[in-house]
Amino acid sequence: MATPSKFDNDTYQLARDHLAEFVTRTAERLREESGKLLEVGPQKHSLVRESFTNFAVDTFDIVDDYAPKFVGDITKVNDFIKESSYDCVVCMEVIEHTLNPFDTVKEIRRILKDEGYLLISAPLNWRIHGPSPDCWRITEHGWSALLRDFDIVEIDILESPDRELFPIRYNVLARCNKSKQTQDSELTFRWI
């Protein structure tokens, strides 16, 4: 078992608070919206259910430990969920644990309605953590590439104290755009 560093201990609550603030602020932003919301990998957390009361919330996880409505692998096509069946998908602190983040986004896009919302997050400047595996760290440019066929509404950045350009984490709000088919040559990135 690894011992958390001073940095981990000093920033853990900051990171948790940042994530919670993003979820509650985005829920308030979408308070006039309604429909069906799918939370991917919620485990026993309830913040999304508590915040998005205007949506009917279903849960999806790779294991049935926390009694999700659906058990499956978000990196695969899950035929038991129809295409374009959700108005909002929340995938917080999950994508770094998948074996293929591109297929994860592809499946989320498949199950989202056109113009549906995606809330997604992952750490960047953070230690390897469970549940295993912990495979990926995604930069701001990586989010632009992963979400190329979404319209990014907001990239919410939690900067690392005293370390510019290596944020602790990113939270992203995006809208599904089913008509987009962005090629690599069409991608643009913020100059840093």
C-alpha atoms as a PDB file:
ATOM      1  CA  MET A   1       0.000   0.000   0.000  1.00  0.00           C
ATOM      2  CA  ALA A   2       1.424   3.357  -1.059  1.00  0.00           C
ATOM      3  CA  THR A   3       1.647   6.206   1.416  1.00  0.00           C
ATOM      4  CA  PRO A   4       0.024   9.446   0.240  1.00  0.00           C
ATOM      5  CA  SER A   5       2.471  12.320  -0.149  1.00  0.00           C
ATOM      6  CA  LYS A   6       2.235  15.697   1.578  1.00  0.00           C
ATOM      7  CA  PHE A   7       0.948  17.090  -1.757  1.00  0.00           C
ATOM      8  CA  ASP A   8      -1.796  14.423  -1.845  1.00  0.00           C
ATOM      9  CA  ASN A   9      -2.814  15.149   1.717  1.00  0.00           C
ATOM     10  CA  ASP A  10      -2.705  18.933   1.205  1.00  0.00           C
ATOM     11  CA  THR A  11      -4.799  18.885  -1.979  1.00  0.00           C
ATOM     12  CA  TYR A  12      -7.221  15.990  -1.439  1.00  0.00           C
ATOM     13  CA  GLN A  13     -10.023  18.067   0.088  1.00  0.00           C
ATOM     14  CA  LEU A  14      -9.389  20.872  -2.406  1.00  0.00           C
ATOM     15  CA  ALA A  15      -9.904  18.381  -5.262  1.00  0.00           C
ATOM     16  CA  ARG A  16     -13.044  16.864  -3.686  1.00  0.00           C
ATOM     17  CA  ASP A  17     -14.524  20.319  -3.074  1.00  0.00           C
ATOM     18  CA  HIS A  18     -13.706  21.407  -6.619  1.00  0.00           C
ATOM     19  CA  LEU A  19     -15.508  18.383  -8.062  1.00  0.00           C
ATOM     20  CA  ALA A  20     -18.550  18.881  -5.808  1.00  0.00           C
ATOM     21  CA  GLU A  21     -18.738  22.587  -6.664  1.00  0.00           C
ATOM     22  CA  PHE A  22     -18.650  21.792 -10.388  1.00  0.00           C
ATOM     23  CA  VAL A  23     -21.453  19.231 -10.062  1.00  0.00           C
ATOM     24  CA  THR A  24     -23.713  21.493  -7.987  1.00  0.00           C
ATOM     25  CA  ARG A  25     -22.990  24.572 -10.149  1.00  0.00           C
ATOM     26  CA  THR A  26     -23.711  22.621 -13.337  1.00  0.00           C
ATOM     27  CA  ALA A  27     -26.911  21.172 -11.856  1.00  0.00           C
ATOM     28  CA  GLU A  28     -28.036  24.729 -11.117  1.00  0.00           C
ATOM     29  CA  ARG A  29     -27.088  25.759 -14.660  1.00  0.00           C
ATOM     30  CA  LEU A  30     -29.269  22.925 -16.028  1.00  0.00           C
ATOM     31  CA  ARG A  31     -32.146  23.369 -13.586  1.00  0.00           C
ATOM     32  CA  GLU A  32     -34.558  24.240 -16.422  1.00  0.00           C
ATOM     33  CA  GLU A  33     -33.630  21.024 -18.275  1.00  0.00           C
ATOM     34  CA  SER A  34     -35.177  17.632 -17.558  1.00  0.00           C
ATOM     35  CA  GLY A  35     -35.284  14.095 -18.836  1.00  0.00           C
ATOM     36  CA  LYS A  36     -33.121  11.068 -18.222  1.00  0.00           C
ATOM     37  CA  LEU A  37     -29.626  11.186 -16.722  1.00  0.00           C
ATOM     38  CA  LEU A  38     -27.140   8.304 -16.643  1.00  0.00           C
ATOM     39  CA  GLU A  39     -24.426   8.402 -13.998  1.00  0.00           C
ATOM     40  CA  VAL A  40     -21.463   6.197 -14.894  1.00  0.00           C
ATOM     41  CA  GLY A  41     -19.541   4.682 -11.983  1.00  0.00           C
ATOM     42  CA  PRO A  42     -21.252   6.421  -9.065  1.00  0.00           C
ATOM     43  CA  GLN A  43     -20.340   3.711  -6.537  1.00  0.00           C
ATOM     44  CA  LYS A  44     -22.037   4.832  -3.313  1.00  0.00           C
ATOM     45  CA  HIS A  45     -21.816   8.574  -4.010  1.00  0.00           C
ATOM     46  CA  SER A  46     -25.112  10.457  -4.157  1.00  0.00           C
ATOM     47  CA  LEU A  47     -24.160  14.040  -5.067  1.00  0.00           C
ATOM     48  CA  VAL A  48     -25.427  13.738  -8.648  1.00  0.00           C
ATOM     49  CA  ARG A  49     -28.801  12.316  -7.518  1.00  0.00           C
ATOM     50  CA  GLU A  50     -29.086  15.022  -4.870  1.00  0.00           C
ATOM     51  CA  SER A  51     -28.131  17.831  -7.268  1.00  0.00           C
ATOM     52  CA  PHE A  52     -29.951  16.838 -10.466  1.00  0.00           C
ATOM     53  CA  THR A  53     -33.428  16.437  -8.989  1.00  0.00           C
ATOM     54  CA  ASN A  54     -35.022  17.573 -12.266  1.00  0.00           C
ATOM     55  CA  PHE A  55     -33.715  14.424 -14.019  1.00  0.00           C
ATOM     56  CA  ALA A  56     -34.664  10.759 -13.623  1.00  0.00           C
ATOM     57  CA  VAL A  57     -31.289   9.234 -12.678  1.00  0.00           C
ATOM     58  CA  ASP A  58     -30.115   5.781 -13.751  1.00  0.00           C
ATOM     59  CA  THR A  59     -26.751   4.328 -12.747  1.00  0.00           C
ATOM     60  CA  PHE A  60     -24.210   2.294 -14.718  1.00  0.00           C
ATOM     61  CA  ASP A  61     -21.128   0.504 -13.418  1.00  0.00           C
ATOM     62  CA  ILE A  62     -18.741  -2.235 -14.447  1.00  0.00           C
ATOM     63  CA  VAL A  63     -19.544  -4.197 -11.265  1.00  0.00           C
ATOM     64  CA  ASP A  64     -22.793  -4.699  -9.372  1.00  0.00           C
ATOM     65  CA  ASP A  65     -21.281  -3.936  -5.936  1.00  0.00           C
ATOM     66  CA  TYR A  66     -23.423  -0.813  -5.492  1.00  0.00           C
ATOM     67  CA  ALA A  67     -26.577  -2.111  -7.218  1.00  0.00           C
ATOM     68  CA  PRO A  68     -26.483   0.054 -10.367  1.00  0.00           C
ATOM     69  CA  LYS A  69     -29.419  -0.142 -12.767  1.00  0.00           C
ATOM     70  CA  PHE A  70     -27.038  -1.291 -15.511  1.00  0.00           C
ATOM     71  CA  VAL A  71     -23.878  -3.385 -15.291  1.00  0.00           C
ATOM     72  CA  GLY A  72     -21.575  -3.165 -18.280  1.00  0.00           C
ATOM     73  CA  ASP A  73     -18.329  -1.884 -19.713  1.00  0.00           C
ATOM     74  CA  ILE A  74     -18.584   1.759 -20.822  1.00  0.00           C
ATOM     75  CA  THR A  75     -15.808   1.134 -23.381  1.00  0.00           C
ATOM     76  CA  LYS A  76     -18.083  -1.287 -25.272  1.00  0.00           C
ATOM     77  CA  VAL A  77     -21.428  -0.949 -27.025  1.00  0.00           C
ATOM     78  CA  ASN A  78     -24.045  -1.802 -24.416  1.00  0.00           C
ATOM     79  CA  ASP A  79     -27.000  -2.952 -26.502  1.00  0.00           C
ATOM     80  CA  PHE A  80     -29.299  -2.909 -23.470  1.00  0.00           C
ATOM     81  CA  ILE A  81     -29.125   0.918 -23.625  1.00  0.00           C
ATOM     82  CA  LYS A  82     -30.740   2.308 -26.746  1.00  0.00           C
ATOM     83  CA  GLU A  83     -28.992   4.883 -28.886  1.00  0.00           C
ATOM     84  CA  SER A  84     -29.840   8.508 -28.023  1.00  0.00           C
ATOM     85  CA  SER A  85     -31.716   7.536 -24.867  1.00  0.00           C
ATOM     86  CA  TYR A  86     -30.223   9.981 -22.332  1.00  0.00           C
ATOM     87  CA  ASP A  87     -30.442  13.754 -22.015  1.00  0.00           C
ATOM     88  CA  CYS A  88     -27.418  13.902 -19.731  1.00  0.00           C
ATOM     89  CA  VAL A  89     -24.518  11.579 -18.882  1.00  0.00           C
ATOM     90  CA  VAL A  90     -22.308  12.145 -15.843  1.00  0.00           C
ATOM     91  CA  CYS A  91     -18.956  10.358 -15.865  1.00  0.00           C
ATOM     92  CA  MET A  92     -16.913  11.803 -13.015  1.00  0.00           C
ATOM     93  CA  GLU A  93     -13.573  10.245 -12.033  1.00  0.00           C
ATOM     94  CA  VAL A  94     -14.138   7.172 -14.229  1.00  0.00           C
ATOM     95  CA  ILE A  95     -12.456   7.641 -17.596  1.00  0.00           C
ATOM     96  CA  GLU A  96      -8.937   7.331 -16.171  1.00  0.00           C
ATOM     97  CA  HIS A  97      -9.865   3.812 -15.022  1.00  0.00           C
ATOM     98  CA  THR A  98     -11.028   2.604 -18.447  1.00  0.00           C
ATOM     99  CA  LEU A  99      -8.790   0.681 -20.809  1.00  0.00           C
ATOM    100  CA  ASN A 100      -9.815   2.820 -23.777  1.00  0.00           C
ATOM    101  CA  PRO A 101     -10.919   6.418 -23.166  1.00  0.00           C
ATOM    102  CA  PHE A 102     -11.724   6.988 -26.853  1.00  0.00           C
ATOM    103  CA  ASP A 103     -14.185   4.067 -26.882  1.00  0.00           C
ATOM    104  CA  THR A 104     -15.627   5.364 -23.606  1.00  0.00           C
ATOM    105  CA  VAL A 105     -16.453   8.713 -25.208  1.00  0.00           C
ATOM    106  CA  LYS A 106     -17.772   6.960 -28.317  1.00  0.00           C
ATOM    107  CA  GLU A 107     -20.235   4.902 -26.225  1.00  0.00           C
ATOM    108  CA  ILE A 108     -21.298   7.938 -24.203  1.00  0.00           C
ATOM    109  CA  ARG A 109     -21.941   9.823 -27.441  1.00  0.00           C
ATOM    110  CA  ARG A 110     -23.988   6.890 -28.748  1.00  0.00           C
ATOM    111  CA  ILE A 111     -26.322   6.852 -25.745  1.00  0.00           C
ATOM    112  CA  LEU A 112     -26.643  10.644 -25.462  1.00  0.00           C
ATOM    113  CA  LYS A 113     -29.338  12.484 -27.366  1.00  0.00           C
ATOM    114  CA  ASP A 114     -28.193  15.117 -29.846  1.00  0.00           C
ATOM    115  CA  GLU A 115     -27.445  18.253 -27.810  1.00  0.00           C
ATOM    116  CA  GLY A 116     -27.500  16.176 -24.613  1.00  0.00           C
ATOM    117  CA  TYR A 117     -25.097  17.171 -21.853  1.00  0.00           C
ATOM    118  CA  LEU A 118     -21.952  15.400 -20.724  1.00  0.00           C
ATOM    119  CA  LEU A 119     -20.267  16.118 -17.405  1.00  0.00           C
ATOM    120  CA  ILE A 120     -16.914  14.360 -17.310  1.00  0.00           C
ATOM    121  CA  SER A 121     -13.806  14.690 -15.175  1.00  0.00           C
ATOM    122  CA  ALA A 122     -10.457  13.141 -14.424  1.00  0.00           C
ATOM    123  CA  PRO A 123      -7.393  14.004 -12.390  1.00  0.00           C
ATOM    124  CA  LEU A 124      -4.173  15.099 -14.030  1.00  0.00           C
ATOM    125  CA  ASN A 125      -1.653  15.906 -11.292  1.00  0.00           C
ATOM    126  CA  TRP A 126      -2.705  13.109  -8.956  1.00  0.00           C
ATOM    127  CA  ARG A 127      -1.248   9.829  -7.749  1.00  0.00           C
ATOM    128  CA  ILE A 128      -2.262   6.446  -9.117  1.00  0.00           C
ATOM    129  CA  HIS A 129      -5.392   5.401  -7.240  1.00  0.00           C
ATOM    130  CA  GLY A 130      -8.119   2.789  -7.151  1.00  0.00           C
ATOM    131  CA  PRO A 131     -10.219   1.209  -8.204  1.00  0.00           C
ATOM    132  CA  SER A 132      -7.666  -0.525 -10.404  1.00  0.00           C
ATOM    133  CA  PRO A 133      -6.665  -0.033 -13.080  1.00  0.00           C
ATOM    134  CA  ASP A 134      -5.729   3.644 -13.182  1.00  0.00           C
ATOM    135  CA  CYS A 135      -4.509   4.040 -16.762  1.00  0.00           C
ATOM    136  CA  TRP A 136      -4.749   7.635 -17.988  1.00  0.00           C
ATOM    137  CA  ARG A 137      -4.109  11.289 -17.286  1.00  0.00           C
ATOM    138  CA  ILE A 138      -5.758  13.714 -19.704  1.00  0.00           C
ATOM    139  CA  THR A 139      -4.519  17.246 -20.388  1.00  0.00           C
ATOM    140  CA  GLU A 140      -6.616  20.159 -21.630  1.00  0.00           C
ATOM    141  CA  HIS A 141      -5.494  19.317 -25.170  1.00  0.00           C
ATOM    142  CA  GLY A 142      -6.393  15.664 -24.575  1.00  0.00           C
ATOM    143  CA  TRP A 143      -9.933  16.664 -23.611  1.00  0.00           C
ATOM    144  CA  SER A 144     -10.231  18.626 -26.864  1.00  0.00           C
ATOM    145  CA  ALA A 145      -9.150  15.539 -28.810  1.00  0.00           C
ATOM    146  CA  LEU A 146     -11.354  13.106 -26.859  1.00  0.00           C
ATOM    147  CA  LEU A 147     -14.414  15.342 -27.088  1.00  0.00           C
ATOM    148  CA  ARG A 148     -13.832  16.436 -30.684  1.00  0.00           C
ATOM    149  CA  ASP A 149     -17.386  15.565 -31.683  1.00  0.00           C
ATOM    150  CA  PHE A 150     -18.932  17.426 -28.756  1.00  0.00           C
ATOM    151  CA  ASP A 151     -19.346  21.154 -28.292  1.00  0.00           C
ATOM    152  CA  ILE A 152     -17.307  21.980 -25.205  1.00  0.00           C
ATOM    153  CA  VAL A 153     -19.234  24.419 -23.024  1.00  0.00           C
ATOM    154  CA  GLU A 154     -16.706  24.670 -20.202  1.00  0.00           C
ATOM    155  CA  ILE A 155     -13.361  23.252 -19.164  1.00  0.00           C
ATOM    156  CA  ASP A 156     -13.113  23.801 -15.415  1.00  0.00           C
ATOM    157  CA  ILE A 157      -9.495  23.651 -14.237  1.00  0.00           C
ATOM    158  CA  LEU A 158      -8.192  23.186 -10.703  1.00  0.00           C
ATOM    159  CA  GLU A 159      -4.648  24.501 -10.852  1.00  0.00           C
ATOM    160  CA  SER A 160      -1.909  22.929  -8.728  1.00  0.00           C
ATOM    161  CA  PRO A 161      -0.668  25.291  -6.019  1.00  0.00           C
ATOM    162  CA  ASP A 162       2.708  26.763  -7.023  1.00  0.00           C
ATOM    163  CA  ARG A 163       2.884  24.703 -10.232  1.00  0.00           C
ATOM    164  CA  GLU A 164       1.597  26.375 -13.367  1.00  0.00           C
ATOM    165  CA  LEU A 165       0.472  24.256 -16.342  1.00  0.00           C
ATOM    166  CA  PHE A 166       0.031  21.019 -14.396  1.00  0.00           C
ATOM    167  CA  PRO A 167      -3.498  21.215 -12.980  1.00  0.00           C
ATOM    168  CA  ILE A 168      -4.702  18.836 -10.300  1.00  0.00           C
ATOM    169  CA  ARG A 169      -7.821  18.054 -12.300  1.00  0.00           C
ATOM    170  CA  TYR A 170     -10.216  18.970 -15.091  1.00  0.00           C
ATOM    171  CA  ASN A 171     -14.005  18.966 -15.092  1.00  0.00           C
ATOM    172  CA  VAL A 172     -15.679  19.343 -18.471  1.00  0.00           C
ATOM    173  CA  LEU A 173     -19.217  20.236 -19.500  1.00  0.00           C
ATOM    174  CA  ALA A 174     -19.962  19.464 -23.145  1.00  0.00           C
ATOM    175  CA  ARG A 175     -22.945  19.021 -25.448  1.00  0.00           C
ATOM    176  CA  CYS A 176     -23.308  16.092 -27.779  1.00  0.00           C
ATOM    177  CA  ASN A 177     -23.237  17.103 -31.429  1.00  0.00           C
ATOM    178  CA  LYS A 178     -24.320  14.125 -33.536  1.00  0.00           C
ATOM    179  CA  SER A 179     -23.560  15.974 -36.781  1.00  0.00           C
ATOM    180  CA  LYS A 180     -19.871  16.512 -35.959  1.00  0.00           C
ATOM    181  CA  GLN A 181     -17.260  14.241 -37.535  1.00  0.00           C
ATOM    182  CA  THR A 182     -14.047  16.099 -36.678  1.00  0.00           C
ATOM    183  CA  GLN A 183     -10.866  14.927 -38.364  1.00  0.00           C
ATOM    184  CA  ASP A 184      -7.435  15.145 -36.708  1.00  0.00           C
ATOM    185  CA  SER A 185      -6.414  17.897 -39.131  1.00  0.00           C
ATOM    186  CA  GLU A 186      -9.365  20.012 -37.997  1.00  0.00           C
ATOM    187  CA  LEU A 187      -8.478  20.001 -34.304  1.00  0.00           C
ATOM    188  CA  THR A 188      -7.291  23.247 -32.784  1.00  0.00           C
ATOM    189  CA  PHE A 189      -5.707  23.700 -29.372  1.00  0.00           C
ATOM    190  CA  ARG A 190      -5.230  26.620 -27.040  1.00  0.00           C
ATOM    191  CA  TRP A 191      -1.691  27.962 -27.287  1.00  0.00           C
ATOM    192  CA  ILE A 192       0.123  27.636 -23.986  1.00  0.00           C
END
